[in-house]
N, C-alpha and C. Protein backbone atom coordinates (compact mmCIF):
# COMPACT_ATOMS: atom_id res chain seq x y z
N MET A 1 -90.90 -0.08 -78.28
CA MET A 1 -90.74 0.98 -79.24
C MET A 1 -92.03 1.11 -80.05
N GLU A 2 -92.67 2.26 -80.00
CA GLU A 2 -93.92 2.43 -80.72
C GLU A 2 -93.67 2.43 -82.22
N GLN A 3 -94.67 1.96 -82.97
CA GLN A 3 -94.57 1.88 -84.41
C GLN A 3 -95.74 2.61 -85.03
N GLN A 4 -95.46 3.31 -86.14
CA GLN A 4 -96.54 3.89 -86.91
C GLN A 4 -96.68 3.02 -88.15
N THR A 5 -97.91 2.86 -88.61
CA THR A 5 -98.14 2.01 -89.76
C THR A 5 -99.24 2.59 -90.63
N ASN A 6 -99.18 2.25 -91.90
CA ASN A 6 -100.25 2.63 -92.82
C ASN A 6 -101.17 1.44 -93.07
N GLU A 7 -100.78 0.28 -92.54
CA GLU A 7 -101.60 -0.92 -92.69
C GLU A 7 -102.93 -0.70 -91.97
N ILE A 8 -104.01 -1.12 -92.61
CA ILE A 8 -105.32 -0.92 -92.00
C ILE A 8 -105.58 -2.07 -91.03
N ILE A 9 -105.33 -1.78 -89.78
CA ILE A 9 -105.63 -2.74 -88.72
C ILE A 9 -107.01 -2.41 -88.18
N VAL A 10 -107.22 -1.15 -87.87
CA VAL A 10 -108.50 -0.64 -87.38
C VAL A 10 -108.77 0.68 -88.07
N SER A 11 -110.01 0.88 -88.49
CA SER A 11 -110.40 2.16 -89.07
C SER A 11 -111.62 2.69 -88.32
N LEU A 12 -111.87 3.97 -88.49
CA LEU A 12 -113.02 4.63 -87.87
C LEU A 12 -114.01 5.03 -88.94
N THR A 13 -115.29 4.90 -88.64
CA THR A 13 -116.28 5.49 -89.53
C THR A 13 -116.23 7.00 -89.33
N ASP A 14 -116.83 7.74 -90.24
CA ASP A 14 -116.88 9.19 -90.10
C ASP A 14 -117.55 9.58 -88.78
N LYS A 15 -118.61 8.86 -88.44
CA LYS A 15 -119.36 9.17 -87.21
C LYS A 15 -118.50 8.93 -85.96
N ALA A 16 -117.73 7.84 -85.95
CA ALA A 16 -116.87 7.54 -84.81
C ALA A 16 -115.76 8.58 -84.69
N ALA A 17 -115.14 8.94 -85.80
CA ALA A 17 -114.07 9.94 -85.77
C ALA A 17 -114.60 11.28 -85.27
N GLU A 18 -115.78 11.65 -85.74
CA GLU A 18 -116.41 12.90 -85.29
C GLU A 18 -116.68 12.87 -83.79
N LYS A 19 -117.17 11.74 -83.28
CA LYS A 19 -117.47 11.62 -81.85
C LYS A 19 -116.19 11.69 -81.01
N VAL A 20 -115.13 11.02 -81.45
CA VAL A 20 -113.85 11.07 -80.72
C VAL A 20 -113.36 12.51 -80.66
N LYS A 21 -113.38 13.20 -81.79
CA LYS A 21 -112.91 14.59 -81.83
C LYS A 21 -113.74 15.48 -80.90
N LYS A 22 -115.06 15.26 -80.87
CA LYS A 22 -115.92 16.05 -79.98
C LYS A 22 -115.60 15.76 -78.51
N LEU A 23 -115.38 14.49 -78.18
CA LEU A 23 -115.03 14.13 -76.80
C LEU A 23 -113.71 14.77 -76.39
N LEU A 24 -112.73 14.73 -77.28
CA LEU A 24 -111.42 15.32 -76.97
C LEU A 24 -111.54 16.83 -76.78
N GLU A 25 -112.37 17.45 -77.60
CA GLU A 25 -112.58 18.90 -77.47
C GLU A 25 -113.31 19.22 -76.17
N LYS A 26 -114.37 18.47 -75.89
CA LYS A 26 -115.17 18.70 -74.69
C LYS A 26 -114.34 18.53 -73.41
N GLU A 27 -113.44 17.55 -73.42
CA GLU A 27 -112.62 17.27 -72.24
C GLU A 27 -111.29 18.02 -72.26
N SER A 28 -111.14 18.93 -73.23
CA SER A 28 -109.90 19.72 -73.39
C SER A 28 -108.67 18.83 -73.44
N LYS A 29 -108.74 17.80 -74.29
CA LYS A 29 -107.64 16.85 -74.44
C LYS A 29 -107.29 16.67 -75.93
N PRO A 30 -106.96 17.77 -76.62
CA PRO A 30 -106.75 17.69 -78.06
C PRO A 30 -105.58 16.81 -78.50
N ASP A 31 -104.63 16.57 -77.62
CA ASP A 31 -103.46 15.77 -77.98
C ASP A 31 -103.60 14.29 -77.61
N TYR A 32 -104.75 13.88 -77.15
CA TYR A 32 -104.99 12.48 -76.79
C TYR A 32 -105.30 11.65 -78.03
N GLY A 33 -105.26 10.33 -77.87
CA GLY A 33 -105.63 9.41 -78.92
C GLY A 33 -106.64 8.41 -78.40
N LEU A 34 -107.05 7.51 -79.27
CA LEU A 34 -108.05 6.49 -78.92
C LEU A 34 -107.36 5.13 -78.82
N ARG A 35 -107.44 4.52 -77.63
CA ARG A 35 -106.91 3.17 -77.45
C ARG A 35 -108.01 2.19 -77.85
N VAL A 36 -107.67 1.27 -78.76
CA VAL A 36 -108.60 0.25 -79.21
C VAL A 36 -107.89 -1.10 -79.12
N GLY A 37 -108.56 -2.07 -78.54
CA GLY A 37 -107.95 -3.40 -78.45
C GLY A 37 -108.88 -4.37 -77.76
N ILE A 38 -108.31 -5.48 -77.36
CA ILE A 38 -109.08 -6.49 -76.62
C ILE A 38 -108.38 -6.75 -75.30
N THR A 39 -109.15 -7.19 -74.35
CA THR A 39 -108.62 -7.54 -73.04
C THR A 39 -109.35 -8.80 -72.57
N ALA A 40 -108.72 -9.60 -71.76
CA ALA A 40 -109.34 -10.82 -71.25
C ALA A 40 -110.53 -10.47 -70.37
N GLY A 41 -111.61 -11.22 -70.53
CA GLY A 41 -112.79 -11.02 -69.69
C GLY A 41 -114.07 -11.17 -70.49
N GLY A 42 -115.17 -11.06 -69.82
CA GLY A 42 -116.46 -11.18 -70.48
C GLY A 42 -116.88 -12.63 -70.63
N CYS A 43 -118.10 -12.83 -71.07
CA CYS A 43 -118.65 -14.18 -71.14
C CYS A 43 -118.18 -14.95 -72.39
N SER A 44 -117.51 -14.28 -73.33
CA SER A 44 -117.00 -14.98 -74.52
C SER A 44 -115.48 -14.92 -74.60
N SER A 45 -114.81 -14.76 -73.49
CA SER A 45 -113.34 -14.78 -73.36
C SER A 45 -112.67 -13.41 -73.45
N TYR A 46 -113.11 -12.53 -74.35
CA TYR A 46 -112.47 -11.23 -74.51
C TYR A 46 -113.51 -10.11 -74.54
N MET A 47 -113.04 -8.93 -74.20
CA MET A 47 -113.88 -7.73 -74.28
C MET A 47 -113.09 -6.66 -75.03
N TYR A 48 -113.82 -5.79 -75.72
CA TYR A 48 -113.15 -4.67 -76.38
C TYR A 48 -112.75 -3.63 -75.36
N GLU A 49 -111.62 -3.02 -75.62
CA GLU A 49 -111.13 -1.92 -74.80
C GLU A 49 -111.12 -0.68 -75.70
N ILE A 50 -111.87 0.33 -75.31
CA ILE A 50 -111.90 1.60 -76.04
C ILE A 50 -111.80 2.70 -75.00
N ALA A 51 -110.75 3.50 -75.11
CA ALA A 51 -110.52 4.55 -74.12
C ALA A 51 -109.70 5.68 -74.72
N LEU A 52 -109.85 6.87 -74.16
CA LEU A 52 -109.02 8.00 -74.55
C LEU A 52 -107.74 7.96 -73.72
N GLU A 53 -106.60 8.12 -74.38
CA GLU A 53 -105.32 8.11 -73.67
C GLU A 53 -104.41 9.19 -74.21
N LYS A 54 -103.63 9.76 -73.30
CA LYS A 54 -102.72 10.85 -73.68
C LYS A 54 -101.57 10.38 -74.55
N GLU A 55 -100.93 9.30 -74.15
CA GLU A 55 -99.74 8.82 -74.84
C GLU A 55 -99.86 7.34 -75.17
N PRO A 56 -99.30 6.93 -76.30
CA PRO A 56 -99.23 5.50 -76.56
C PRO A 56 -98.20 4.86 -75.64
N LYS A 57 -98.35 3.57 -75.41
CA LYS A 57 -97.35 2.83 -74.65
C LYS A 57 -96.19 2.51 -75.61
N ALA A 58 -95.04 2.21 -75.07
CA ALA A 58 -93.84 1.99 -75.87
C ALA A 58 -94.02 0.94 -76.96
N GLU A 59 -94.79 -0.11 -76.67
CA GLU A 59 -94.93 -1.21 -77.63
C GLU A 59 -96.12 -1.04 -78.58
N ASP A 60 -96.90 0.01 -78.44
CA ASP A 60 -98.10 0.22 -79.25
C ASP A 60 -97.78 0.49 -80.72
N THR A 61 -98.71 0.09 -81.57
CA THR A 61 -98.73 0.52 -82.96
C THR A 61 -99.68 1.71 -83.01
N ILE A 62 -99.29 2.74 -83.74
CA ILE A 62 -100.11 3.95 -83.84
C ILE A 62 -100.61 4.07 -85.27
N ILE A 63 -101.90 4.26 -85.40
CA ILE A 63 -102.54 4.45 -86.69
C ILE A 63 -103.20 5.82 -86.67
N GLU A 64 -103.14 6.52 -87.77
CA GLU A 64 -103.83 7.81 -87.90
C GLU A 64 -104.97 7.59 -88.88
N ASP A 65 -106.20 7.88 -88.46
CA ASP A 65 -107.36 7.73 -89.34
C ASP A 65 -108.32 8.88 -89.11
N LYS A 66 -108.61 9.59 -90.18
CA LYS A 66 -109.56 10.70 -90.13
C LYS A 66 -109.20 11.73 -89.06
N GLY A 67 -107.90 11.96 -88.87
CA GLY A 67 -107.45 12.95 -87.91
C GLY A 67 -107.41 12.48 -86.47
N VAL A 68 -107.59 11.18 -86.24
CA VAL A 68 -107.57 10.61 -84.88
C VAL A 68 -106.40 9.63 -84.79
N ARG A 69 -105.59 9.76 -83.74
CA ARG A 69 -104.54 8.78 -83.49
C ARG A 69 -105.16 7.59 -82.76
N ILE A 70 -104.87 6.39 -83.25
CA ILE A 70 -105.39 5.16 -82.65
C ILE A 70 -104.20 4.36 -82.13
N PHE A 71 -104.27 3.95 -80.86
CA PHE A 71 -103.20 3.16 -80.23
C PHE A 71 -103.68 1.72 -80.09
N ILE A 72 -102.84 0.78 -80.56
CA ILE A 72 -103.19 -0.64 -80.47
C ILE A 72 -102.01 -1.40 -79.88
N ASN A 73 -102.27 -2.20 -78.85
CA ASN A 73 -101.18 -2.99 -78.26
C ASN A 73 -100.89 -4.21 -79.15
N PRO A 74 -99.68 -4.76 -79.08
CA PRO A 74 -99.29 -5.87 -79.95
C PRO A 74 -100.19 -7.10 -79.82
N GLN A 75 -100.71 -7.36 -78.63
CA GLN A 75 -101.55 -8.54 -78.42
C GLN A 75 -102.90 -8.43 -79.15
N SER A 76 -103.32 -7.23 -79.47
CA SER A 76 -104.63 -7.03 -80.10
C SER A 76 -104.58 -6.98 -81.61
N ILE A 77 -103.40 -6.79 -82.19
CA ILE A 77 -103.30 -6.53 -83.63
C ILE A 77 -103.93 -7.62 -84.48
N GLU A 78 -103.53 -8.87 -84.31
CA GLU A 78 -104.06 -9.95 -85.16
C GLU A 78 -105.57 -10.08 -85.01
N PHE A 79 -106.08 -9.98 -83.80
CA PHE A 79 -107.51 -10.13 -83.56
C PHE A 79 -108.30 -8.95 -84.14
N MET A 80 -107.69 -7.76 -84.17
CA MET A 80 -108.41 -6.55 -84.59
C MET A 80 -108.27 -6.24 -86.08
N LYS A 81 -107.42 -6.95 -86.81
CA LYS A 81 -107.17 -6.65 -88.23
C LYS A 81 -108.47 -6.59 -89.02
N GLY A 82 -108.64 -5.49 -89.75
CA GLY A 82 -109.81 -5.32 -90.60
C GLY A 82 -111.03 -4.78 -89.88
N SER A 83 -110.91 -4.47 -88.60
CA SER A 83 -112.05 -3.98 -87.81
C SER A 83 -112.35 -2.51 -88.10
N THR A 84 -113.60 -2.17 -87.92
CA THR A 84 -114.06 -0.79 -88.05
C THR A 84 -114.76 -0.40 -86.76
N VAL A 85 -114.39 0.76 -86.22
CA VAL A 85 -115.06 1.28 -85.03
C VAL A 85 -116.10 2.29 -85.50
N ASP A 86 -117.33 2.09 -85.07
CA ASP A 86 -118.44 2.97 -85.42
C ASP A 86 -118.98 3.59 -84.14
N TYR A 87 -119.78 4.62 -84.29
CA TYR A 87 -120.47 5.20 -83.14
C TYR A 87 -121.96 5.14 -83.43
N LEU A 88 -122.71 4.51 -82.53
CA LEU A 88 -124.16 4.39 -82.67
C LEU A 88 -124.85 5.24 -81.63
N ASP A 89 -125.91 5.88 -82.04
CA ASP A 89 -126.71 6.70 -81.13
C ASP A 89 -128.17 6.46 -81.48
N THR A 90 -128.78 5.50 -80.76
CA THR A 90 -130.17 5.14 -81.01
C THR A 90 -131.02 5.52 -79.81
N LEU A 91 -132.29 5.24 -79.88
CA LEU A 91 -133.19 5.52 -78.76
C LEU A 91 -132.82 4.73 -77.51
N THR A 92 -132.29 3.53 -77.71
CA THR A 92 -132.01 2.66 -76.56
C THR A 92 -130.53 2.51 -76.21
N ASN A 93 -129.65 2.99 -77.09
CA ASN A 93 -128.23 2.74 -76.86
C ASN A 93 -127.38 3.79 -77.55
N ALA A 94 -126.29 4.18 -76.92
CA ALA A 94 -125.32 5.08 -77.55
C ALA A 94 -123.93 4.62 -77.14
N GLY A 95 -123.04 4.56 -78.08
CA GLY A 95 -121.67 4.18 -77.76
C GLY A 95 -120.93 3.68 -78.98
N PHE A 96 -119.66 3.38 -78.76
CA PHE A 96 -118.82 2.86 -79.82
C PHE A 96 -119.10 1.38 -80.02
N LYS A 97 -119.07 0.94 -81.28
CA LYS A 97 -119.30 -0.46 -81.62
C LYS A 97 -118.19 -0.89 -82.57
N VAL A 98 -117.60 -2.03 -82.29
CA VAL A 98 -116.55 -2.57 -83.14
C VAL A 98 -117.16 -3.60 -84.08
N ASN A 99 -116.98 -3.40 -85.37
CA ASN A 99 -117.38 -4.38 -86.37
C ASN A 99 -116.10 -5.13 -86.77
N ASN A 100 -116.00 -6.38 -86.31
CA ASN A 100 -114.76 -7.13 -86.44
C ASN A 100 -115.00 -8.41 -87.25
N PRO A 101 -114.35 -8.52 -88.43
CA PRO A 101 -114.54 -9.71 -89.26
C PRO A 101 -113.91 -10.98 -88.67
N ASN A 102 -113.10 -10.84 -87.63
CA ASN A 102 -112.41 -11.99 -87.04
C ASN A 102 -113.18 -12.65 -85.90
N VAL A 103 -114.29 -12.09 -85.50
CA VAL A 103 -115.05 -12.62 -84.36
C VAL A 103 -115.71 -13.94 -84.74
N LYS A 104 -115.46 -14.95 -83.91
CA LYS A 104 -116.09 -16.26 -84.12
C LYS A 104 -117.36 -16.39 -83.29
N THR A 105 -117.34 -15.84 -82.07
CA THR A 105 -118.51 -15.88 -81.21
C THR A 105 -118.64 -14.55 -80.48
N SER A 106 -119.86 -14.20 -80.15
CA SER A 106 -120.09 -13.01 -79.33
C SER A 106 -121.31 -13.28 -78.47
N CYS A 107 -121.43 -12.52 -77.40
CA CYS A 107 -122.57 -12.72 -76.52
C CYS A 107 -123.68 -11.73 -76.89
N GLY A 108 -124.80 -11.87 -76.28
CA GLY A 108 -125.94 -11.02 -76.57
C GLY A 108 -125.73 -9.56 -76.26
N CYS A 109 -124.88 -9.26 -75.30
CA CYS A 109 -124.67 -7.85 -74.93
C CYS A 109 -123.82 -7.12 -75.96
N GLY A 110 -123.07 -7.86 -76.80
CA GLY A 110 -122.25 -7.24 -77.82
C GLY A 110 -120.92 -6.70 -77.32
N HIS A 111 -120.62 -6.87 -76.05
CA HIS A 111 -119.37 -6.35 -75.50
C HIS A 111 -118.31 -7.43 -75.35
N SER A 112 -118.70 -8.68 -75.41
CA SER A 112 -117.77 -9.78 -75.21
C SER A 112 -117.67 -10.59 -76.49
N VAL A 113 -116.44 -10.94 -76.87
CA VAL A 113 -116.22 -11.66 -78.13
C VAL A 113 -115.23 -12.79 -77.91
N GLY A 114 -115.22 -13.71 -78.85
CA GLY A 114 -114.27 -14.81 -78.77
C GLY A 114 -113.81 -15.23 -80.14
């Protein structure tokens, strides 16, 4: 059973929210949301999962931030609490970046955390 919450588990920066909205508009998917969580893998045990999805899964928690629906699976909630998703666009790199206060270790690539 999906749950909606006002608890801040994950938030988006203005730049990240703007980028998600632009992607949804570009792909003609205005009713989609952003899946954010962790999945097993990577050199530090876990990797972030960020994807556009049409519907939340039955067990997901749904957060609304800056006009974007965010879907989080139950296994990711404790690890993701207090995290902020940002969007970076530099000369050498562009993409979403998770700033997570719960991370104990991460690898050099920035995609794997533990």
